[in-house]
């Protein structure tokens, strides 16, 4: 996984680019009708039920736009919210609040939706050892926000990108000339580059799992698109040799059954690619 410093760098880039995209050479609406020295106050109003996420990110946005803005927080990231709740107040220059408003709302609405869905999936896994993972099926440009929201909702992050973990999937296996060839080439490459990153290998059948197990150095086996019976067999075959992960079209109706097969993780792209924004507003008070 990436370091905290790398993650913060991603957040900084998101804020800088989003403000550039939205403000350009100036917020001419606010500049034209709001005096430069006018002070104001606004509240983040919840108009939906769910898990709030993005409060700490909002603070970073406000600080980037105007370090003098003050945020008074009433509800923190990861807490349940309902219609009518007020998450925070922000006060300071009115122009600054208005410049930050859209980025704060866009980010928090999506992050809260992801956190809410993740919490729902995590609740379905209670009583099992299985943890829910996100994927790289994220919105281009804001992956850090979406993966942060998964953590806030009680899920776990998979690899952040292509550079922090090796994941040998079906196409890699086929292009490389087979499972053993792919694993052997990968370990040689990592050794030559001096890279200390984990290796995950996807299996499409029980026979492929057996071949993966004949190779050393695999951190986790991805049990992809298996039915329940074969998943249980796969878990039994793997034992304590390495960690296990189920994936492939798993939803709220099937996730519990796959967890009961004994896998360590279940990955779901739906956490980030199939959500509806939580309804939030920033209102002057």
C-alpha atoms as a PDB file:
ATOM      1  CA  UNK A   1       0.000   0.000   0.000  1.00  0.00           C
ATOM      2  CA  UNK A   2       1.077   3.597  -0.495  1.00  0.00           C
ATOM      3  CA  UNK A   3       2.428   5.667   2.399  1.00  0.00           C
ATOM      4  CA  UNK A   4       0.531   8.405   4.218  1.00  0.00           C
ATOM      5  CA  UNK A   5       2.760  10.968   2.519  1.00  0.00           C
ATOM      6  CA  UNK A   6       1.940   9.550  -0.930  1.00  0.00           C
ATOM      7  CA  UNK A   7      -1.754   9.510  -0.088  1.00  0.00           C
ATOM      8  CA  UNK A   8      -1.679  13.133   1.075  1.00  0.00           C
ATOM      9  CA  UNK A   9       0.119  14.079  -2.124  1.00  0.00           C
ATOM     10  CA  UNK A  10      -2.781  12.549  -4.082  1.00  0.00           C
ATOM     11  CA  UNK A  11      -5.260  14.599  -2.041  1.00  0.00           C
ATOM     12  CA  UNK A  12      -3.269  17.784  -2.638  1.00  0.00           C
ATOM     13  CA  UNK A  13      -3.327  17.141  -6.378  1.00  0.00           C
ATOM     14  CA  UNK A  14      -7.088  16.537  -6.327  1.00  0.00           C
ATOM     15  CA  UNK A  15      -7.741  19.823  -4.526  1.00  0.00           C
ATOM     16  CA  UNK A  16      -5.384  21.851  -6.700  1.00  0.00           C
ATOM     17  CA  UNK A  17      -6.799  20.470  -9.944  1.00  0.00           C
ATOM     18  CA  UNK A  18     -10.442  20.723  -8.851  1.00  0.00           C
ATOM     19  CA  UNK A  19     -10.069  24.360  -7.804  1.00  0.00           C
ATOM     20  CA  UNK A  20      -8.280  25.124 -11.077  1.00  0.00           C
ATOM     21  CA  UNK A  21     -11.058  23.428 -13.023  1.00  0.00           C
ATOM     22  CA  UNK A  22     -13.870  25.174 -11.166  1.00  0.00           C
ATOM     23  CA  UNK A  23     -12.550  28.689 -10.561  1.00  0.00           C
ATOM     24  CA  UNK A  24     -10.224  29.316 -13.488  1.00  0.00           C
ATOM     25  CA  UNK A  25      -9.419  33.039 -13.581  1.00  0.00           C
ATOM     26  CA  UNK A  26     -11.996  33.844 -10.925  1.00  0.00           C
ATOM     27  CA  UNK A  27     -15.438  33.198  -9.423  1.00  0.00           C
ATOM     28  CA  UNK A  28     -16.921  36.139 -11.268  1.00  0.00           C
ATOM     29  CA  UNK A  29     -20.392  35.722  -9.763  1.00  0.00           C
ATOM     30  CA  UNK A  30     -19.101  36.110  -6.211  1.00  0.00           C
ATOM     31  CA  UNK A  31     -16.503  38.700  -7.181  1.00  0.00           C
ATOM     32  CA  UNK A  32     -19.154  40.880  -8.825  1.00  0.00           C
ATOM     33  CA  UNK A  33     -21.849  40.877  -6.161  1.00  0.00           C
ATOM     34  CA  UNK A  34     -20.167  40.030  -2.839  1.00  0.00           C
ATOM     35  CA  UNK A  35     -17.852  42.655  -1.273  1.00  0.00           C
ATOM     36  CA  UNK A  36     -14.280  41.393  -0.815  1.00  0.00           C
ATOM     37  CA  UNK A  37     -14.372  42.092   2.918  1.00  0.00           C
ATOM     38  CA  UNK A  38     -17.822  40.580   3.548  1.00  0.00           C
ATOM     39  CA  UNK A  39     -17.928  37.902   6.259  1.00  0.00           C
ATOM     40  CA  UNK A  40     -20.377  35.032   6.300  1.00  0.00           C
ATOM     41  CA  UNK A  41     -21.270  31.680   7.828  1.00  0.00           C
ATOM     42  CA  UNK A  42     -22.725  28.504   6.329  1.00  0.00           C
ATOM     43  CA  UNK A  43     -23.807  25.072   7.529  1.00  0.00           C
ATOM     44  CA  UNK A  44     -23.386  21.652   5.925  1.00  0.00           C
ATOM     45  CA  UNK A  45     -26.948  20.323   5.955  1.00  0.00           C
ATOM     46  CA  UNK A  46     -27.795  16.634   5.576  1.00  0.00           C
ATOM     47  CA  UNK A  47     -30.854  15.862   3.454  1.00  0.00           C
ATOM     48  CA  UNK A  48     -30.557  12.075   3.447  1.00  0.00           C
ATOM     49  CA  UNK A  49     -29.764   9.143   5.751  1.00  0.00           C
ATOM     50  CA  UNK A  50     -26.398   7.387   5.703  1.00  0.00           C
ATOM     51  CA  UNK A  51     -22.773   7.544   6.800  1.00  0.00           C
ATOM     52  CA  UNK A  52     -21.045  10.910   6.524  1.00  0.00           C
ATOM     53  CA  UNK A  53     -17.621  11.023   4.882  1.00  0.00           C
ATOM     54  CA  UNK A  54     -15.358  13.806   3.666  1.00  0.00           C
ATOM     55  CA  UNK A  55     -15.423  16.115   6.689  1.00  0.00           C
ATOM     56  CA  UNK A  56     -11.651  16.057   7.035  1.00  0.00           C
ATOM     57  CA  UNK A  57     -11.246  16.507   3.289  1.00  0.00           C
ATOM     58  CA  UNK A  58     -13.592  19.515   3.396  1.00  0.00           C
ATOM     59  CA  UNK A  59     -11.348  21.088   6.012  1.00  0.00           C
ATOM     60  CA  UNK A  60      -8.395  20.685   3.662  1.00  0.00           C
ATOM     61  CA  UNK A  61     -10.350  22.317   0.831  1.00  0.00           C
ATOM     62  CA  UNK A  62     -11.379  25.290   2.974  1.00  0.00           C
ATOM     63  CA  UNK A  63      -7.793  25.720   4.160  1.00  0.00           C
ATOM     64  CA  UNK A  64      -6.472  25.612   0.588  1.00  0.00           C
ATOM     65  CA  UNK A  65      -8.951  28.250  -0.574  1.00  0.00           C
ATOM     66  CA  UNK A  66      -8.535  30.488   2.462  1.00  0.00           C
ATOM     67  CA  UNK A  67      -6.493  29.540   5.537  1.00  0.00           C
ATOM     68  CA  UNK A  68      -8.501  32.037   7.598  1.00  0.00           C
ATOM     69  CA  UNK A  69     -11.774  30.098   7.194  1.00  0.00           C
ATOM     70  CA  UNK A  70     -12.912  28.469  10.431  1.00  0.00           C
ATOM     71  CA  UNK A  71     -14.693  25.103  10.579  1.00  0.00           C
ATOM     72  CA  UNK A  72     -16.685  24.045  13.652  1.00  0.00           C
ATOM     73  CA  UNK A  73     -17.418  20.303  13.438  1.00  0.00           C
ATOM     74  CA  UNK A  74     -20.461  18.640  15.004  1.00  0.00           C
ATOM     75  CA  UNK A  75     -20.435  15.238  13.270  1.00  0.00           C
ATOM     76  CA  UNK A  76     -17.258  13.385  12.320  1.00  0.00           C
ATOM     77  CA  UNK A  77     -16.354  11.100   9.436  1.00  0.00           C
ATOM     78  CA  UNK A  78     -17.854   7.631   9.796  1.00  0.00           C
ATOM     79  CA  UNK A  79     -20.823   8.655  11.935  1.00  0.00           C
ATOM     80  CA  UNK A  80     -24.422   7.943  11.006  1.00  0.00           C
ATOM     81  CA  UNK A  81     -26.454  10.936   9.855  1.00  0.00           C
ATOM     82  CA  UNK A  82     -30.116  11.547   9.171  1.00  0.00           C
ATOM     83  CA  UNK A  83     -32.189  14.158   7.371  1.00  0.00           C
ATOM     84  CA  UNK A  84     -31.838  17.553   9.054  1.00  0.00           C
ATOM     85  CA  UNK A  85     -28.481  16.958  10.740  1.00  0.00           C
ATOM     86  CA  UNK A  86     -25.859  19.708  10.570  1.00  0.00           C
ATOM     87  CA  UNK A  87     -22.329  18.353  10.092  1.00  0.00           C
ATOM     88  CA  UNK A  88     -20.335  21.558  10.475  1.00  0.00           C
ATOM     89  CA  UNK A  89     -20.358  25.339  10.313  1.00  0.00           C
ATOM     90  CA  UNK A  90     -17.806  27.235   8.227  1.00  0.00           C
ATOM     91  CA  UNK A  91     -17.226  30.935   8.750  1.00  0.00           C
ATOM     92  CA  UNK A  92     -15.027  33.627   7.253  1.00  0.00           C
ATOM     93  CA  UNK A  93     -14.934  35.569   4.010  1.00  0.00           C
ATOM     94  CA  UNK A  94     -18.118  34.975   2.045  1.00  0.00           C
ATOM     95  CA  UNK A  95     -16.272  34.888  -1.270  1.00  0.00           C
ATOM     96  CA  UNK A  96     -13.977  32.149   0.031  1.00  0.00           C
ATOM     97  CA  UNK A  97     -16.858  30.010   1.285  1.00  0.00           C
ATOM     98  CA  UNK A  98     -18.567  30.271  -2.088  1.00  0.00           C
ATOM     99  CA  UNK A  99     -15.401  29.346  -3.981  1.00  0.00           C
ATOM    100  CA  UNK A 100     -14.940  26.189  -1.906  1.00  0.00           C
ATOM    101  CA  UNK A 101     -18.634  25.212  -1.819  1.00  0.00           C
ATOM    102  CA  UNK A 102     -18.951  23.055  -4.940  1.00  0.00           C
ATOM    103  CA  UNK A 103     -15.785  21.022  -4.425  1.00  0.00           C
ATOM    104  CA  UNK A 104     -16.731  20.353  -0.804  1.00  0.00           C
ATOM    105  CA  UNK A 105     -20.243  19.229  -1.759  1.00  0.00           C
ATOM    106  CA  UNK A 106     -19.202  17.144  -4.770  1.00  0.00           C
ATOM    107  CA  UNK A 107     -16.571  15.323  -2.737  1.00  0.00           C
ATOM    108  CA  UNK A 108     -18.640  14.805   0.407  1.00  0.00           C
ATOM    109  CA  UNK A 109     -21.744  13.645  -1.455  1.00  0.00           C
ATOM    110  CA  UNK A 110     -19.817  10.947  -3.301  1.00  0.00           C
ATOM    111  CA  UNK A 111     -17.619   9.969  -0.360  1.00  0.00           C
ATOM    112  CA  UNK A 112     -20.659   9.660   1.895  1.00  0.00           C
ATOM    113  CA  UNK A 113     -22.434   7.476  -0.662  1.00  0.00           C
ATOM    114  CA  UNK A 114     -19.424   5.158  -0.856  1.00  0.00           C
ATOM    115  CA  UNK A 115     -19.024   5.048   2.925  1.00  0.00           C
ATOM    116  CA  UNK A 116     -22.734   4.261   3.303  1.00  0.00           C
ATOM    117  CA  UNK A 117     -22.599   1.389   0.814  1.00  0.00           C
ATOM    118  CA  UNK A 118     -19.391   0.036   2.332  1.00  0.00           C
ATOM    119  CA  UNK A 119     -20.904   0.092   5.819  1.00  0.00           C
ATOM    120  CA  UNK A 120     -23.896  -1.835   4.483  1.00  0.00           C
ATOM    121  CA  UNK A 121     -21.614  -4.513   2.999  1.00  0.00           C
ATOM    122  CA  UNK A 122     -19.470  -4.629   6.147  1.00  0.00           C
ATOM    123  CA  UNK A 123     -22.577  -5.167   8.274  1.00  0.00           C
ATOM    124  CA  UNK A 124     -23.512  -8.149   6.101  1.00  0.00           C
ATOM    125  CA  UNK A 125     -20.148  -9.722   6.981  1.00  0.00           C
ATOM    126  CA  UNK A 126     -20.446  -9.364  10.755  1.00  0.00           C
ATOM    127  CA  UNK A 127     -19.757 -12.628  12.561  1.00  0.00           C
ATOM    128  CA  UNK A 128     -17.381 -13.852   9.834  1.00  0.00           C
ATOM    129  CA  UNK A 129     -13.646 -13.302   9.475  1.00  0.00           C
ATOM    130  CA  UNK A 130     -14.096 -11.825   5.999  1.00  0.00           C
ATOM    131  CA  UNK A 131     -13.335  -8.185   5.188  1.00  0.00           C
ATOM    132  CA  UNK A 132     -14.658  -6.272   2.202  1.00  0.00           C
ATOM    133  CA  UNK A 133     -12.151  -4.719  -0.207  1.00  0.00           C
ATOM    134  CA  UNK A 134     -12.457  -2.012  -2.830  1.00  0.00           C
ATOM    135  CA  UNK A 135     -10.908  -2.247  -6.322  1.00  0.00           C
ATOM    136  CA  UNK A 136      -9.350   0.041  -8.946  1.00  0.00           C
ATOM    137  CA  UNK A 137     -12.810   0.599 -10.459  1.00  0.00           C
ATOM    138  CA  UNK A 138     -12.801   4.187  -9.289  1.00  0.00           C
ATOM    139  CA  UNK A 139     -13.596   7.555 -10.844  1.00  0.00           C
ATOM    140  CA  UNK A 140     -10.494   8.772 -12.733  1.00  0.00           C
ATOM    141  CA  UNK A 141      -8.738  11.547 -10.879  1.00  0.00           C
ATOM    142  CA  UNK A 142     -10.345  11.081  -7.450  1.00  0.00           C
ATOM    143  CA  UNK A 143      -9.297   7.558  -6.493  1.00  0.00           C
ATOM    144  CA  UNK A 144      -7.807   8.749  -3.196  1.00  0.00           C
ATOM    145  CA  UNK A 145     -11.151  10.205  -2.108  1.00  0.00           C
ATOM    146  CA  UNK A 146     -13.086   7.081  -3.005  1.00  0.00           C
ATOM    147  CA  UNK A 147     -10.653   4.729  -1.289  1.00  0.00           C
ATOM    148  CA  UNK A 148     -10.632   7.004   1.770  1.00  0.00           C
ATOM    149  CA  UNK A 149     -14.424   6.753   1.855  1.00  0.00           C
ATOM    150  CA  UNK A 150     -14.244   2.941   1.790  1.00  0.00           C
ATOM    151  CA  UNK A 151     -12.031   3.026   4.890  1.00  0.00           C
ATOM    152  CA  UNK A 152     -14.403   5.446   6.602  1.00  0.00           C
ATOM    153  CA  UNK A 153     -17.275   3.052   5.880  1.00  0.00           C
ATOM    154  CA  UNK A 154     -15.503   0.113   7.519  1.00  0.00           C
ATOM    155  CA  UNK A 155     -13.973  -1.540   4.462  1.00  0.00           C
ATOM    156  CA  UNK A 156     -10.360  -2.187   3.535  1.00  0.00           C
ATOM    157  CA  UNK A 157      -8.331  -0.845   0.648  1.00  0.00           C
ATOM    158  CA  UNK A 158      -6.967  -3.168  -2.009  1.00  0.00           C
ATOM    159  CA  UNK A 159      -3.855  -1.941  -3.838  1.00  0.00           C
ATOM    160  CA  UNK A 160      -4.020   1.776  -4.610  1.00  0.00           C
ATOM    161  CA  UNK A 161      -2.738   1.491  -8.166  1.00  0.00           C
ATOM    162  CA  UNK A 162      -0.593  -0.610 -10.472  1.00  0.00           C
ATOM    163  CA  UNK A 163       2.632   0.340  -8.705  1.00  0.00           C
ATOM    164  CA  UNK A 164       2.080  -0.706  -5.080  1.00  0.00           C
ATOM    165  CA  UNK A 165       1.148  -4.375  -5.528  1.00  0.00           C
ATOM    166  CA  UNK A 166       1.530  -7.024  -8.217  1.00  0.00           C
ATOM    167  CA  UNK A 167      -1.742  -8.614  -9.318  1.00  0.00           C
ATOM    168  CA  UNK A 168      -1.282 -11.358 -11.903  1.00  0.00           C
ATOM    169  CA  UNK A 169      -4.656 -11.777 -13.609  1.00  0.00           C
ATOM    170  CA  UNK A 170      -5.942 -13.922 -16.454  1.00  0.00           C
ATOM    171  CA  UNK A 171      -4.526 -11.792 -19.263  1.00  0.00           C
ATOM    172  CA  UNK A 172      -1.105 -11.573 -17.602  1.00  0.00           C
ATOM    173  CA  UNK A 173      -1.101 -15.353 -17.201  1.00  0.00           C
ATOM    174  CA  UNK A 174      -2.086 -15.955 -20.815  1.00  0.00           C
ATOM    175  CA  UNK A 175       0.387 -13.421 -22.237  1.00  0.00           C
ATOM    176  CA  UNK A 176       3.207 -14.683 -19.992  1.00  0.00           C
ATOM    177  CA  UNK A 177       2.776 -18.320 -21.016  1.00  0.00           C
ATOM    178  CA  UNK A 178       1.074 -19.729 -17.934  1.00  0.00           C
ATOM    179  CA  UNK A 179       0.821 -19.324 -14.174  1.00  0.00           C
ATOM    180  CA  UNK A 180       4.254 -20.634 -13.200  1.00  0.00           C
ATOM    181  CA  UNK A 181       5.940 -18.616 -15.940  1.00  0.00           C
ATOM    182  CA  UNK A 182       4.141 -15.440 -14.829  1.00  0.00           C
ATOM    183  CA  UNK A 183       5.031 -15.923 -11.158  1.00  0.00           C
ATOM    184  CA  UNK A 184       8.657 -16.817 -11.940  1.00  0.00           C
ATOM    185  CA  UNK A 185       9.112 -13.798 -14.208  1.00  0.00           C
ATOM    186  CA  UNK A 186       7.454 -11.526 -11.636  1.00  0.00           C
ATOM    187  CA  UNK A 187       9.711 -12.633  -8.775  1.00  0.00           C
ATOM    188  CA  UNK A 188      12.791 -12.207 -10.971  1.00  0.00           C
ATOM    189  CA  UNK A 189      11.671  -8.709 -12.005  1.00  0.00           C
ATOM    190  CA  UNK A 190      10.981  -7.621  -8.415  1.00  0.00           C
ATOM    191  CA  UNK A 191      14.366  -8.915  -7.272  1.00  0.00           C
ATOM    192  CA  UNK A 192      16.172  -7.105 -10.082  1.00  0.00           C
ATOM    193  CA  UNK A 193      14.338  -3.852  -9.342  1.00  0.00           C
ATOM    194  CA  UNK A 194      14.749  -4.181  -5.573  1.00  0.00           C
ATOM    195  CA  UNK A 195      11.004  -3.878  -5.099  1.00  0.00           C
ATOM    196  CA  UNK A 196       9.383  -5.209  -1.923  1.00  0.00           C
ATOM    197  CA  UNK A 197       5.744  -5.470  -2.980  1.00  0.00           C
ATOM    198  CA  UNK A 198       3.234  -8.271  -2.519  1.00  0.00           C
ATOM    199  CA  UNK A 199       2.056 -10.659  -5.233  1.00  0.00           C
ATOM    200  CA  UNK A 200      -1.560 -11.643  -5.810  1.00  0.00           C
ATOM    201  CA  UNK A 201      -2.439 -14.273  -8.419  1.00  0.00           C
ATOM    202  CA  UNK A 202      -5.871 -14.859  -9.928  1.00  0.00           C
ATOM    203  CA  UNK A 203      -7.176 -18.404 -10.283  1.00  0.00           C
ATOM    204  CA  UNK A 204      -9.908 -19.445 -12.682  1.00  0.00           C
ATOM    205  CA  UNK A 205     -10.160 -23.076 -11.567  1.00  0.00           C
ATOM    206  CA  UNK A 206      -9.158 -25.468  -8.803  1.00  0.00           C
ATOM    207  CA  UNK A 207      -6.398 -26.786 -11.065  1.00  0.00           C
ATOM    208  CA  UNK A 208      -4.966 -23.296 -11.376  1.00  0.00           C
ATOM    209  CA  UNK A 209      -5.035 -22.940  -7.586  1.00  0.00           C
ATOM    210  CA  UNK A 210      -2.982 -26.120  -7.296  1.00  0.00           C
ATOM    211  CA  UNK A 211      -0.430 -24.722  -9.737  1.00  0.00           C
ATOM    212  CA  UNK A 212      -0.253 -21.397  -7.874  1.00  0.00           C
ATOM    213  CA  UNK A 213       0.384 -23.299  -4.639  1.00  0.00           C
ATOM    214  CA  UNK A 214       3.306 -25.109  -6.261  1.00  0.00           C
ATOM    215  CA  UNK A 215       5.070 -21.727  -6.442  1.00  0.00           C
ATOM    216  CA  UNK A 216       6.445 -19.846  -3.445  1.00  0.00           C
ATOM    217  CA  UNK A 217       6.109 -16.155  -2.702  1.00  0.00           C
ATOM    218  CA  UNK A 218       2.393 -15.603  -3.403  1.00  0.00           C
ATOM    219  CA  UNK A 219       0.733 -13.348  -0.831  1.00  0.00           C
ATOM    220  CA  UNK A 220      -2.899 -13.872  -1.799  1.00  0.00           C
ATOM    221  CA  UNK A 221      -4.892 -15.974  -4.251  1.00  0.00           C
ATOM    222  CA  UNK A 222      -7.806 -14.341  -6.026  1.00  0.00           C
ATOM    223  CA  UNK A 223     -10.581 -16.917  -6.326  1.00  0.00           C
ATOM    224  CA  UNK A 224     -12.374 -15.382  -9.272  1.00  0.00           C
ATOM    225  CA  UNK A 225     -15.946 -16.193 -10.327  1.00  0.00           C
ATOM    226  CA  UNK A 226     -16.099 -19.476  -8.400  1.00  0.00           C
ATOM    227  CA  UNK A 227     -19.398 -20.895  -7.147  1.00  0.00           C
ATOM    228  CA  UNK A 228     -19.898 -21.528  -3.428  1.00  0.00           C
ATOM    229  CA  UNK A 229     -18.913 -25.206  -3.527  1.00  0.00           C
ATOM    230  CA  UNK A 230     -15.696 -24.618  -5.447  1.00  0.00           C
ATOM    231  CA  UNK A 231     -14.860 -21.622  -3.254  1.00  0.00           C
ATOM    232  CA  UNK A 232     -15.034 -23.868  -0.179  1.00  0.00           C
ATOM    233  CA  UNK A 233     -12.816 -26.404  -1.938  1.00  0.00           C
ATOM    234  CA  UNK A 234     -10.369 -23.662  -2.885  1.00  0.00           C
ATOM    235  CA  UNK A 235     -10.160 -22.381   0.691  1.00  0.00           C
ATOM    236  CA  UNK A 236      -9.515 -25.916   1.922  1.00  0.00           C
ATOM    237  CA  UNK A 237      -6.777 -26.425  -0.678  1.00  0.00           C
ATOM    238  CA  UNK A 238      -5.046 -23.153   0.166  1.00  0.00           C
ATOM    239  CA  UNK A 239      -5.252 -23.567   3.935  1.00  0.00           C
ATOM    240  CA  UNK A 240      -2.732 -21.341   5.690  1.00  0.00           C
ATOM    241  CA  UNK A 241      -0.351 -21.155   2.720  1.00  0.00           C
ATOM    242  CA  UNK A 242      -1.547 -17.672   1.789  1.00  0.00           C
ATOM    243  CA  UNK A 243      -4.546 -15.362   2.071  1.00  0.00           C
ATOM    244  CA  UNK A 244      -7.705 -15.797   0.007  1.00  0.00           C
ATOM    245  CA  UNK A 245      -9.944 -13.355  -1.825  1.00  0.00           C
ATOM    246  CA  UNK A 246     -13.225 -13.915  -3.631  1.00  0.00           C
ATOM    247  CA  UNK A 247     -14.371 -11.649  -6.455  1.00  0.00           C
ATOM    248  CA  UNK A 248     -16.553 -11.538  -9.534  1.00  0.00           C
ATOM    249  CA  UNK A 249     -20.069 -10.124  -9.501  1.00  0.00           C
ATOM    250  CA  UNK A 250     -20.545 -10.531  -5.760  1.00  0.00           C
ATOM    251  CA  UNK A 251     -23.422  -8.396  -4.438  1.00  0.00           C
ATOM    252  CA  UNK A 252     -25.459  -7.849  -1.281  1.00  0.00           C
ATOM    253  CA  UNK A 253     -27.420 -11.034  -1.925  1.00  0.00           C
ATOM    254  CA  UNK A 254     -24.365 -13.283  -2.250  1.00  0.00           C
ATOM    255  CA  UNK A 255     -21.605 -11.653  -0.186  1.00  0.00           C
ATOM    256  CA  UNK A 256     -22.552 -13.380   3.081  1.00  0.00           C
ATOM    257  CA  UNK A 257     -22.589 -16.821   1.453  1.00  0.00           C
ATOM    258  CA  UNK A 258     -19.123 -16.291  -0.007  1.00  0.00           C
ATOM    259  CA  UNK A 259     -17.852 -15.114   3.371  1.00  0.00           C
ATOM    260  CA  UNK A 260     -19.195 -18.283   4.953  1.00  0.00           C
ATOM    261  CA  UNK A 261     -16.994 -20.248   2.547  1.00  0.00           C
ATOM    262  CA  UNK A 262     -14.074 -19.045   4.680  1.00  0.00           C
ATOM    263  CA  UNK A 263     -12.313 -16.487   2.470  1.00  0.00           C
ATOM    264  CA  UNK A 264     -10.261 -13.736   4.095  1.00  0.00           C
ATOM    265  CA  UNK A 265     -11.425 -10.990   1.729  1.00  0.00           C
ATOM    266  CA  UNK A 266     -14.167 -10.220  -0.749  1.00  0.00           C
ATOM    267  CA  UNK A 267     -13.478  -7.488  -3.309  1.00  0.00           C
ATOM    268  CA  UNK A 268     -16.301  -5.496  -4.831  1.00  0.00           C
ATOM    269  CA  UNK A 269     -16.080  -2.815  -7.492  1.00  0.00           C
ATOM    270  CA  UNK A 270     -19.660  -1.869  -6.647  1.00  0.00           C
ATOM    271  CA  UNK A 271     -18.431  -0.018  -3.557  1.00  0.00           C
ATOM    272  CA  UNK A 272     -17.144   2.758  -5.792  1.00  0.00           C
ATOM    273  CA  UNK A 273     -18.691   2.384  -9.241  1.00  0.00           C
ATOM    274  CA  UNK A 274     -22.361   1.884  -8.333  1.00  0.00           C
ATOM    275  CA  UNK A 275     -23.445   4.468  -5.768  1.00  0.00           C
ATOM    276  CA  UNK A 276     -25.890   7.363  -5.627  1.00  0.00           C
ATOM    277  CA  UNK A 277     -24.659  10.559  -4.022  1.00  0.00           C
ATOM    278  CA  UNK A 278     -25.881  11.364  -0.530  1.00  0.00           C
ATOM    279  CA  UNK A 279     -27.926  14.586  -0.616  1.00  0.00           C
ATOM    280  CA  UNK A 280     -26.060  17.395   1.141  1.00  0.00           C
ATOM    281  CA  UNK A 281     -26.281  21.196   0.959  1.00  0.00           C
ATOM    282  CA  UNK A 282     -24.176  24.111   2.121  1.00  0.00           C
ATOM    283  CA  UNK A 283     -26.554  26.815   3.295  1.00  0.00           C
ATOM    284  CA  UNK A 284     -25.846  30.349   4.486  1.00  0.00           C
ATOM    285  CA  UNK A 285     -26.938  31.048   8.076  1.00  0.00           C
END
